Amino acid sequence: MAKYALIVIDIQNDYFPGGRWTLSGMDQAADNAARLLNAARESGDLVVHIRHEFPTADAPFFAPNSVGAQIHPKVQSLEGEPVVLKHDINAYRETELKSILDNACIEKVVICGAMSHMCVDAATRASYDFGYHCTVVHDACASRDLKFNGVHVPAAQAHAAFMAALQFGYATSVSTEEFLAS
């Protein structure tokens, strides 16, 4: 039987209302991630928390040692659950994430967190490239409004576009309800 790991990406204080880089729908995404986290813990599945910090204090968000860079209480890690500190978009880059998964003989990863269009996307694509079977729980992820070349992209559309791209070639995409029912 394939072993699973839940990877909870960057659900940190700065992404919530009042933080330095608020995401659209972050509270609901974190609530769904908390449900996934509880289910993984009850099943004895590996849970890996990813926490992003920029290297300097003048960062736009997730400044080193700041309250904003701390994991949000809704998905706080428990003793014994690995917390991977990253300084880049891709959770595998210059971190121990792959060795944690490989040491636990993980074959399948379930991914949730933030931001849909950045770190969730990067981790999913990298996971696929490393040979893991990937599932992204789309309603346990959040994004924000984007701008490109004078075009405003609402958060819901940015999120949907990235989830559609991941589902097309990198991952299965399901809702929290669908995942918990399976």
N, C-alpha and C. Protein backbone atom coordinates (compact mmCIF):
# COMPACT_ATOMS: atom_id res chain seq x y z
N MET A 1 0.85 -1.18 0.00
CA MET A 1 0.00 0.00 0.00
C MET A 1 0.89 1.24 0.00
N ALA A 2 0.55 2.21 -0.81
CA ALA A 2 1.33 3.45 -0.92
C ALA A 2 1.22 4.26 0.35
N LYS A 3 2.32 4.88 0.72
CA LYS A 3 2.33 5.73 1.90
C LYS A 3 2.09 7.17 1.49
N TYR A 4 1.32 7.86 2.31
CA TYR A 4 0.95 9.25 2.04
C TYR A 4 1.65 10.20 3.01
N ALA A 5 1.85 11.42 2.55
CA ALA A 5 2.26 12.50 3.43
C ALA A 5 1.41 13.71 3.11
N LEU A 6 0.98 14.42 4.13
CA LEU A 6 0.29 15.70 3.96
C LEU A 6 1.34 16.79 4.08
N ILE A 7 1.44 17.63 3.05
CA ILE A 7 2.37 18.76 3.06
C ILE A 7 1.53 20.03 3.19
N VAL A 8 1.72 20.74 4.29
CA VAL A 8 0.98 21.97 4.59
C VAL A 8 1.93 23.13 4.34
N ILE A 9 1.66 23.90 3.28
CA ILE A 9 2.60 24.90 2.80
C ILE A 9 2.22 26.32 3.24
N ASP A 10 3.09 26.95 3.99
CA ASP A 10 3.07 28.39 4.25
C ASP A 10 1.74 28.95 4.77
N ILE A 11 1.07 28.22 5.61
CA ILE A 11 -0.13 28.79 6.25
C ILE A 11 0.37 29.56 7.46
N GLN A 12 0.77 30.79 7.19
CA GLN A 12 1.46 31.65 8.16
C GLN A 12 0.68 32.95 8.38
N ASN A 13 0.93 33.56 9.50
CA ASN A 13 0.15 34.71 9.95
C ASN A 13 0.06 35.86 8.95
N ASP A 14 1.14 36.16 8.23
CA ASP A 14 1.11 37.30 7.30
C ASP A 14 0.09 37.16 6.19
N TYR A 15 -0.39 35.96 5.91
CA TYR A 15 -1.38 35.75 4.85
C TYR A 15 -2.82 35.98 5.31
N PHE A 16 -3.02 36.17 6.60
CA PHE A 16 -4.36 36.34 7.15
C PHE A 16 -4.72 37.82 7.28
N PRO A 17 -6.02 38.14 7.38
CA PRO A 17 -6.41 39.54 7.58
C PRO A 17 -5.60 40.17 8.71
N GLY A 18 -5.08 41.36 8.43
CA GLY A 18 -4.22 42.07 9.38
C GLY A 18 -2.75 41.78 9.16
N GLY A 19 -2.43 40.78 8.34
CA GLY A 19 -1.04 40.45 8.04
C GLY A 19 -0.49 41.35 6.95
N ARG A 20 0.76 41.14 6.60
CA ARG A 20 1.45 42.00 5.65
C ARG A 20 1.20 41.63 4.19
N TRP A 21 0.55 40.48 3.91
CA TRP A 21 0.34 40.03 2.53
C TRP A 21 -0.93 39.19 2.48
N THR A 22 -2.06 39.81 2.77
CA THR A 22 -3.33 39.11 2.93
C THR A 22 -3.78 38.40 1.65
N LEU A 23 -4.21 37.17 1.81
CA LEU A 23 -4.72 36.39 0.69
C LEU A 23 -6.24 36.33 0.75
N SER A 24 -6.83 36.18 -0.40
CA SER A 24 -8.28 36.03 -0.50
C SER A 24 -8.68 34.62 -0.07
N GLY A 25 -9.61 34.53 0.86
CA GLY A 25 -10.11 33.22 1.30
C GLY A 25 -9.16 32.43 2.19
N MET A 26 -8.20 33.12 2.81
CA MET A 26 -7.21 32.40 3.60
C MET A 26 -7.82 31.72 4.82
N ASP A 27 -8.77 32.36 5.49
CA ASP A 27 -9.39 31.74 6.66
C ASP A 27 -10.07 30.42 6.30
N GLN A 28 -10.84 30.42 5.22
CA GLN A 28 -11.53 29.19 4.80
C GLN A 28 -10.54 28.12 4.37
N ALA A 29 -9.50 28.52 3.63
CA ALA A 29 -8.48 27.55 3.22
C ALA A 29 -7.80 26.94 4.44
N ALA A 30 -7.50 27.76 5.44
CA ALA A 30 -6.85 27.25 6.65
C ALA A 30 -7.78 26.33 7.44
N ASP A 31 -9.07 26.66 7.47
CA ASP A 31 -10.04 25.78 8.13
C ASP A 31 -10.05 24.41 7.45
N ASN A 32 -10.03 24.40 6.13
CA ASN A 32 -10.02 23.13 5.40
C ASN A 32 -8.69 22.40 5.61
N ALA A 33 -7.59 23.13 5.61
CA ALA A 33 -6.30 22.51 5.88
C ALA A 33 -6.27 21.89 7.27
N ALA A 34 -6.90 22.55 8.24
CA ALA A 34 -6.96 22.01 9.61
C ALA A 34 -7.74 20.68 9.62
N ARG A 35 -8.78 20.58 8.82
CA ARG A 35 -9.53 19.33 8.73
C ARG A 35 -8.66 18.22 8.13
N LEU A 36 -7.89 18.56 7.10
CA LEU A 36 -6.97 17.59 6.50
C LEU A 36 -5.91 17.16 7.50
N LEU A 37 -5.42 18.13 8.24
CA LEU A 37 -4.39 17.88 9.25
C LEU A 37 -4.91 16.93 10.32
N ASN A 38 -6.12 17.17 10.80
CA ASN A 38 -6.71 16.29 11.82
C ASN A 38 -6.89 14.88 11.29
N ALA A 39 -7.34 14.76 10.04
CA ALA A 39 -7.54 13.44 9.44
C ALA A 39 -6.20 12.71 9.27
N ALA A 40 -5.17 13.42 8.83
CA ALA A 40 -3.86 12.80 8.66
C ALA A 40 -3.31 12.33 10.00
N ARG A 41 -3.48 13.14 11.01
CA ARG A 41 -3.00 12.76 12.35
C ARG A 41 -3.74 11.53 12.86
N GLU A 42 -5.06 11.51 12.68
CA GLU A 42 -5.85 10.37 13.14
C GLU A 42 -5.46 9.09 12.40
N SER A 43 -5.07 9.21 11.13
CA SER A 43 -4.67 8.05 10.33
C SER A 43 -3.21 7.66 10.53
N GLY A 44 -2.47 8.49 11.23
CA GLY A 44 -1.06 8.21 11.44
C GLY A 44 -0.19 8.52 10.23
N ASP A 45 -0.71 9.34 9.30
CA ASP A 45 0.06 9.72 8.12
C ASP A 45 1.11 10.76 8.49
N LEU A 46 2.17 10.79 7.73
CA LEU A 46 3.20 11.80 7.93
C LEU A 46 2.64 13.17 7.59
N VAL A 47 2.90 14.14 8.44
CA VAL A 47 2.54 15.52 8.20
C VAL A 47 3.83 16.32 8.17
N VAL A 48 4.00 17.12 7.11
CA VAL A 48 5.16 18.00 7.01
C VAL A 48 4.66 19.42 6.83
N HIS A 49 5.09 20.30 7.72
CA HIS A 49 4.75 21.71 7.64
C HIS A 49 5.88 22.44 6.93
N ILE A 50 5.51 23.33 6.02
CA ILE A 50 6.49 24.16 5.34
C ILE A 50 6.29 25.59 5.84
N ARG A 51 7.39 26.23 6.21
CA ARG A 51 7.35 27.60 6.71
C ARG A 51 8.37 28.42 5.93
N HIS A 52 7.89 29.53 5.36
CA HIS A 52 8.73 30.39 4.52
C HIS A 52 9.20 31.59 5.33
N GLU A 53 10.47 31.90 5.23
CA GLU A 53 11.02 33.16 5.73
C GLU A 53 11.93 33.73 4.67
N PHE A 54 11.79 35.03 4.43
CA PHE A 54 12.74 35.70 3.56
C PHE A 54 14.02 35.93 4.34
N PRO A 55 15.14 36.09 3.67
CA PRO A 55 16.41 36.18 4.39
C PRO A 55 16.68 37.51 5.10
N THR A 56 15.94 38.57 4.75
CA THR A 56 16.22 39.87 5.36
C THR A 56 14.98 40.49 5.99
N ALA A 57 15.19 41.35 6.96
CA ALA A 57 14.09 41.98 7.71
C ALA A 57 13.27 42.95 6.85
N ASP A 58 13.82 43.42 5.73
CA ASP A 58 13.06 44.35 4.89
C ASP A 58 12.17 43.63 3.88
N ALA A 59 11.91 42.36 4.10
CA ALA A 59 11.05 41.56 3.22
C ALA A 59 9.63 42.11 3.23
N PRO A 60 8.88 41.94 2.12
CA PRO A 60 7.50 42.42 2.08
C PRO A 60 6.58 41.68 3.05
N PHE A 61 6.93 40.45 3.39
CA PHE A 61 6.20 39.64 4.36
C PHE A 61 7.12 38.50 4.77
N PHE A 62 6.74 37.74 5.78
CA PHE A 62 7.54 36.62 6.30
C PHE A 62 8.97 37.05 6.64
N ALA A 63 9.09 38.19 7.31
CA ALA A 63 10.41 38.64 7.76
C ALA A 63 10.94 37.68 8.82
N PRO A 64 12.25 37.48 8.87
CA PRO A 64 12.82 36.55 9.85
C PRO A 64 12.41 36.89 11.28
N ASN A 65 12.07 35.84 12.02
CA ASN A 65 11.72 35.95 13.44
C ASN A 65 10.53 36.86 13.73
N SER A 66 9.69 37.10 12.74
CA SER A 66 8.51 37.96 12.95
C SER A 66 7.29 37.10 13.30
N VAL A 67 6.30 37.72 13.91
CA VAL A 67 5.03 37.06 14.19
C VAL A 67 4.38 36.65 12.87
N GLY A 68 4.50 37.47 11.86
CA GLY A 68 3.91 37.18 10.55
C GLY A 68 4.46 35.93 9.91
N ALA A 69 5.69 35.57 10.23
CA ALA A 69 6.31 34.38 9.63
C ALA A 69 5.99 33.10 10.40
N GLN A 70 5.30 33.22 11.51
CA GLN A 70 4.97 32.03 12.30
C GLN A 70 3.80 31.28 11.68
N ILE A 71 3.78 29.97 11.86
CA ILE A 71 2.66 29.15 11.40
C ILE A 71 1.41 29.58 12.15
N HIS A 72 0.31 29.72 11.40
CA HIS A 72 -0.95 30.16 11.98
C HIS A 72 -1.47 29.11 12.98
N PRO A 73 -2.10 29.57 14.06
CA PRO A 73 -2.61 28.63 15.08
C PRO A 73 -3.58 27.57 14.55
N LYS A 74 -4.29 27.86 13.47
CA LYS A 74 -5.25 26.88 12.94
C LYS A 74 -4.58 25.59 12.48
N VAL A 75 -3.31 25.67 12.11
CA VAL A 75 -2.60 24.49 11.58
C VAL A 75 -1.25 24.29 12.29
N GLN A 76 -1.19 24.70 13.52
CA GLN A 76 0.06 24.62 14.29
C GLN A 76 0.61 23.20 14.30
N SER A 77 1.91 23.08 14.17
CA SER A 77 2.54 21.77 14.20
C SER A 77 2.53 21.20 15.61
N LEU A 78 2.52 19.89 15.68
CA LEU A 78 2.64 19.19 16.96
C LEU A 78 4.07 18.69 17.11
N GLU A 79 4.44 18.41 18.33
CA GLU A 79 5.76 17.87 18.58
C GLU A 79 5.97 16.61 17.76
N GLY A 80 7.10 16.53 17.10
CA GLY A 80 7.42 15.38 16.27
C GLY A 80 7.08 15.55 14.79
N GLU A 81 6.24 16.53 14.47
CA GLU A 81 5.93 16.79 13.07
C GLU A 81 7.01 17.71 12.49
N PRO A 82 7.63 17.30 11.39
CA PRO A 82 8.69 18.13 10.83
C PRO A 82 8.17 19.47 10.33
N VAL A 83 8.95 20.51 10.59
CA VAL A 83 8.69 21.85 10.06
C VAL A 83 9.91 22.20 9.21
N VAL A 84 9.68 22.34 7.92
CA VAL A 84 10.75 22.64 6.98
C VAL A 84 10.79 24.15 6.75
N LEU A 85 11.91 24.76 7.06
CA LEU A 85 12.11 26.18 6.82
C LEU A 85 12.69 26.37 5.43
N LYS A 86 12.02 27.19 4.63
CA LYS A 86 12.52 27.46 3.28
C LYS A 86 12.71 28.96 3.10
N HIS A 87 13.56 29.30 2.14
CA HIS A 87 13.83 30.70 1.83
C HIS A 87 13.56 30.99 0.36
N ASP A 88 12.86 30.08 -0.28
CA ASP A 88 12.58 30.19 -1.70
C ASP A 88 11.15 29.72 -1.95
N ILE A 89 10.70 29.86 -3.18
CA ILE A 89 9.34 29.47 -3.54
C ILE A 89 9.16 27.96 -3.48
N ASN A 90 10.10 27.22 -4.01
CA ASN A 90 10.02 25.76 -4.07
C ASN A 90 10.44 25.17 -2.72
N ALA A 91 9.55 24.42 -2.11
CA ALA A 91 9.79 23.85 -0.77
C ALA A 91 10.91 22.81 -0.77
N TYR A 92 11.32 22.33 -1.92
CA TYR A 92 12.40 21.35 -1.99
C TYR A 92 13.78 22.02 -2.11
N ARG A 93 13.80 23.24 -2.58
CA ARG A 93 15.08 23.90 -2.87
C ARG A 93 15.85 24.20 -1.59
N GLU A 94 16.99 23.57 -1.46
CA GLU A 94 17.90 23.77 -0.34
C GLU A 94 17.22 23.52 1.02
N THR A 95 16.35 22.49 1.03
CA THR A 95 15.70 22.06 2.28
C THR A 95 15.82 20.54 2.40
N GLU A 96 15.36 20.02 3.51
CA GLU A 96 15.39 18.59 3.75
C GLU A 96 14.06 17.91 3.40
N LEU A 97 13.15 18.59 2.70
CA LEU A 97 11.83 18.02 2.41
C LEU A 97 11.93 16.67 1.70
N LYS A 98 12.69 16.57 0.63
CA LYS A 98 12.76 15.32 -0.11
C LYS A 98 13.31 14.19 0.76
N SER A 99 14.32 14.47 1.55
CA SER A 99 14.88 13.40 2.39
C SER A 99 13.88 12.98 3.47
N ILE A 100 13.08 13.90 3.98
CA ILE A 100 12.04 13.54 4.96
C ILE A 100 11.04 12.58 4.32
N LEU A 101 10.60 12.91 3.11
CA LEU A 101 9.62 12.07 2.42
C LEU A 101 10.23 10.71 2.06
N ASP A 102 11.43 10.73 1.54
CA ASP A 102 12.08 9.48 1.12
C ASP A 102 12.41 8.58 2.31
N ASN A 103 12.85 9.17 3.41
CA ASN A 103 13.16 8.38 4.61
C ASN A 103 11.92 7.70 5.17
N ALA A 104 10.74 8.28 4.91
CA ALA A 104 9.48 7.69 5.36
C ALA A 104 8.85 6.81 4.28
N CYS A 105 9.57 6.59 3.18
CA CYS A 105 9.08 5.75 2.07
C CYS A 105 7.76 6.26 1.48
N ILE A 106 7.63 7.57 1.40
CA ILE A 106 6.42 8.20 0.88
C ILE A 106 6.37 8.05 -0.63
N GLU A 107 5.21 7.68 -1.15
CA GLU A 107 4.98 7.57 -2.58
C GLU A 107 3.96 8.58 -3.07
N LYS A 108 3.08 9.02 -2.18
CA LYS A 108 2.01 9.95 -2.54
C LYS A 108 2.01 11.14 -1.59
N VAL A 109 1.81 12.34 -2.15
CA VAL A 109 1.74 13.54 -1.33
C VAL A 109 0.39 14.22 -1.55
N VAL A 110 -0.13 14.77 -0.47
CA VAL A 110 -1.35 15.57 -0.50
C VAL A 110 -0.90 16.97 -0.11
N ILE A 111 -1.21 17.94 -0.96
CA ILE A 111 -0.68 19.29 -0.80
C ILE A 111 -1.81 20.28 -0.58
N CYS A 112 -1.58 21.18 0.39
CA CYS A 112 -2.51 22.29 0.63
C CYS A 112 -1.69 23.48 1.11
N GLY A 113 -2.30 24.67 1.08
CA GLY A 113 -1.61 25.84 1.62
C GLY A 113 -1.66 27.04 0.72
N ALA A 114 -0.57 27.80 0.76
CA ALA A 114 -0.54 29.10 0.09
C ALA A 114 0.86 29.36 -0.47
N MET A 115 0.91 30.17 -1.42
CA MET A 115 -0.09 30.71 -2.31
C MET A 115 -0.30 29.73 -3.47
N SER A 116 -1.52 29.60 -3.92
CA SER A 116 -1.85 28.68 -5.01
C SER A 116 -0.95 28.89 -6.21
N HIS A 117 -0.75 30.15 -6.55
CA HIS A 117 -0.04 30.49 -7.79
C HIS A 117 1.48 30.54 -7.62
N MET A 118 1.98 30.28 -6.44
CA MET A 118 3.43 30.33 -6.22
C MET A 118 3.91 29.03 -5.56
N CYS A 119 3.90 29.00 -4.25
CA CYS A 119 4.53 27.90 -3.52
C CYS A 119 3.79 26.58 -3.66
N VAL A 120 2.46 26.61 -3.71
CA VAL A 120 1.71 25.37 -3.93
C VAL A 120 2.00 24.84 -5.32
N ASP A 121 1.99 25.73 -6.30
CA ASP A 121 2.31 25.34 -7.67
C ASP A 121 3.71 24.75 -7.75
N ALA A 122 4.70 25.44 -7.20
CA ALA A 122 6.09 24.99 -7.27
C ALA A 122 6.29 23.64 -6.58
N ALA A 123 5.72 23.48 -5.41
CA ALA A 123 5.88 22.22 -4.67
C ALA A 123 5.20 21.06 -5.38
N THR A 124 4.04 21.32 -5.97
CA THR A 124 3.33 20.26 -6.69
C THR A 124 4.11 19.81 -7.91
N ARG A 125 4.59 20.75 -8.68
CA ARG A 125 5.35 20.41 -9.88
C ARG A 125 6.65 19.68 -9.51
N ALA A 126 7.32 20.16 -8.47
CA ALA A 126 8.56 19.49 -8.04
C ALA A 126 8.26 18.09 -7.52
N SER A 127 7.19 17.95 -6.74
CA SER A 127 6.81 16.63 -6.23
C SER A 127 6.58 15.66 -7.38
N TYR A 128 5.86 16.11 -8.37
CA TYR A 128 5.61 15.28 -9.56
C TYR A 128 6.93 14.91 -10.24
N ASP A 129 7.80 15.90 -10.41
CA ASP A 129 9.09 15.65 -11.06
C ASP A 129 9.94 14.65 -10.28
N PHE A 130 9.79 14.62 -8.96
CA PHE A 130 10.52 13.66 -8.13
C PHE A 130 9.86 12.28 -8.10
N GLY A 131 8.71 12.15 -8.76
CA GLY A 131 8.07 10.85 -8.88
C GLY A 131 6.96 10.56 -7.88
N TYR A 132 6.60 11.53 -7.09
CA TYR A 132 5.49 11.33 -6.15
C TYR A 132 4.16 11.49 -6.89
N HIS A 133 3.17 10.71 -6.49
CA HIS A 133 1.80 10.89 -6.98
C HIS A 133 1.22 12.04 -6.16
N CYS A 134 0.68 13.04 -6.83
CA CYS A 134 0.26 14.27 -6.15
C CYS A 134 -1.25 14.47 -6.16
N THR A 135 -1.76 14.91 -5.02
CA THR A 135 -3.13 15.37 -4.90
C THR A 135 -3.08 16.76 -4.30
N VAL A 136 -3.75 17.71 -4.93
CA VAL A 136 -3.88 19.07 -4.39
C VAL A 136 -5.32 19.24 -3.93
N VAL A 137 -5.49 19.65 -2.69
CA VAL A 137 -6.83 19.90 -2.16
C VAL A 137 -7.11 21.39 -2.39
N HIS A 138 -7.85 21.65 -3.47
CA HIS A 138 -7.98 23.01 -3.99
C HIS A 138 -8.64 23.99 -3.04
N ASP A 139 -9.60 23.55 -2.23
CA ASP A 139 -10.26 24.50 -1.34
C ASP A 139 -9.53 24.64 0.01
N ALA A 140 -8.36 24.03 0.10
CA ALA A 140 -7.47 24.22 1.25
C ALA A 140 -6.23 25.00 0.81
N CYS A 141 -6.38 25.75 -0.29
CA CYS A 141 -5.33 26.61 -0.84
C CYS A 141 -5.92 28.00 -1.05
N ALA A 142 -5.05 29.00 -1.04
CA ALA A 142 -5.51 30.38 -1.24
C ALA A 142 -4.54 31.15 -2.11
N SER A 143 -5.08 32.19 -2.74
CA SER A 143 -4.31 33.04 -3.64
C SER A 143 -4.65 34.50 -3.36
N ARG A 144 -4.24 35.37 -4.24
CA ARG A 144 -4.58 36.80 -4.12
C ARG A 144 -4.70 37.37 -5.52
N ASP A 145 -5.23 38.59 -5.60
CA ASP A 145 -5.33 39.27 -6.88
C ASP A 145 -3.93 39.44 -7.47
N LEU A 146 -3.84 39.30 -8.77
CA LEU A 146 -2.57 39.48 -9.47
C LEU A 146 -2.73 40.54 -10.55
N LYS A 147 -1.61 41.10 -10.96
CA LYS A 147 -1.60 42.03 -12.08
C LYS A 147 -0.49 41.61 -13.02
N PHE A 148 -0.80 41.65 -14.33
CA PHE A 148 0.20 41.35 -15.33
C PHE A 148 -0.06 42.19 -16.57
N ASN A 149 0.92 42.96 -16.95
CA ASN A 149 0.87 43.72 -18.20
C ASN A 149 -0.42 44.54 -18.31
N GLY A 150 -0.79 45.17 -17.20
CA GLY A 150 -1.98 46.00 -17.18
C GLY A 150 -3.28 45.25 -16.99
N VAL A 151 -3.22 43.95 -16.82
CA VAL A 151 -4.43 43.13 -16.65
C VAL A 151 -4.57 42.77 -15.16
N HIS A 152 -5.75 43.04 -14.62
CA HIS A 152 -6.06 42.65 -13.23
C HIS A 152 -6.66 41.24 -13.26
N VAL A 153 -6.09 40.34 -12.46
CA VAL A 153 -6.58 38.96 -12.37
C VAL A 153 -7.10 38.75 -10.96
N PRO A 154 -8.41 38.65 -10.78
CA PRO A 154 -8.96 38.42 -9.45
C PRO A 154 -8.43 37.11 -8.85
N ALA A 155 -8.32 37.08 -7.54
CA ALA A 155 -7.76 35.92 -6.84
C ALA A 155 -8.45 34.62 -7.22
N ALA A 156 -9.76 34.63 -7.32
CA ALA A 156 -10.48 33.39 -7.65
C ALA A 156 -10.07 32.87 -9.03
N GLN A 157 -9.85 33.78 -9.97
CA GLN A 157 -9.44 33.35 -11.30
C GLN A 157 -7.99 32.89 -11.32
N ALA A 158 -7.13 33.58 -10.57
CA ALA A 158 -5.73 33.14 -10.48
C ALA A 158 -5.67 31.74 -9.88
N HIS A 159 -6.40 31.55 -8.79
CA HIS A 159 -6.44 30.24 -8.12
C HIS A 159 -6.95 29.17 -9.09
N ALA A 160 -8.07 29.45 -9.77
CA ALA A 160 -8.66 28.48 -10.69
C ALA A 160 -7.71 28.15 -11.84
N ALA A 161 -7.02 29.14 -12.37
CA ALA A 161 -6.11 28.90 -13.48
C ALA A 161 -4.96 27.99 -13.05
N PHE A 162 -4.41 28.22 -11.87
CA PHE A 162 -3.31 27.39 -11.41
C PHE A 162 -3.77 25.99 -11.03
N MET A 163 -4.94 25.87 -10.43
CA MET A 163 -5.47 24.54 -10.11
C MET A 163 -5.75 23.76 -11.39
N ALA A 164 -6.29 24.45 -12.41
CA ALA A 164 -6.56 23.78 -13.69
C ALA A 164 -5.28 23.29 -14.34
N ALA A 165 -4.23 24.11 -14.28
CA ALA A 165 -2.95 23.71 -14.88
C ALA A 165 -2.35 22.52 -14.13
N LEU A 166 -2.41 22.55 -12.81
CA LEU A 166 -1.88 21.43 -12.04
C LEU A 166 -2.67 20.17 -12.31
N GLN A 167 -3.98 20.29 -12.36
CA GLN A 167 -4.84 19.13 -12.61
C GLN A 167 -4.61 18.56 -14.01
N PHE A 168 -4.27 19.40 -14.95
CA PHE A 168 -4.07 18.95 -16.32
C PHE A 168 -2.91 17.97 -16.44
N GLY A 169 -1.82 18.22 -15.71
CA GLY A 169 -0.68 17.35 -15.94
C GLY A 169 0.13 16.94 -14.73
N TYR A 170 -0.16 17.50 -13.55
CA TYR A 170 0.71 17.24 -12.41
C TYR A 170 0.05 16.58 -11.22
N ALA A 171 -1.25 16.74 -11.06
CA ALA A 171 -1.88 16.29 -9.83
C ALA A 171 -3.36 16.01 -10.04
N THR A 172 -3.90 15.24 -9.13
CA THR A 172 -5.34 15.15 -8.99
C THR A 172 -5.76 16.32 -8.12
N SER A 173 -6.85 16.95 -8.44
CA SER A 173 -7.33 18.08 -7.64
C SER A 173 -8.72 17.75 -7.11
N VAL A 174 -8.86 17.82 -5.80
CA VAL A 174 -10.12 17.49 -5.15
C VAL A 174 -10.44 18.52 -4.08
N SER A 175 -11.69 18.54 -3.65
CA SER A 175 -12.09 19.39 -2.53
C SER A 175 -11.77 18.67 -1.22
N THR A 176 -11.84 19.40 -0.15
CA THR A 176 -11.64 18.80 1.17
C THR A 176 -12.65 17.68 1.40
N GLU A 177 -13.91 17.94 1.08
CA GLU A 177 -14.96 16.94 1.27
C GLU A 177 -14.66 15.69 0.47
N GLU A 178 -14.26 15.86 -0.78
CA GLU A 178 -13.96 14.70 -1.63
C GLU A 178 -12.77 13.92 -1.06
N PHE A 179 -11.75 14.62 -0.62
CA PHE A 179 -10.58 13.93 -0.09
C PHE A 179 -10.92 13.16 1.17
N LEU A 180 -11.64 13.80 2.08
CA LEU A 180 -11.98 13.15 3.36
C LEU A 180 -12.92 11.96 3.17
N ALA A 181 -13.73 12.00 2.11
CA ALA A 181 -14.65 10.91 1.84
C ALA A 181 -13.96 9.71 1.17
N SER A 182 -12.78 9.93 0.63
CA SER A 182 -12.11 8.84 -0.11
C SER A 182 -11.30 7.93 0.80
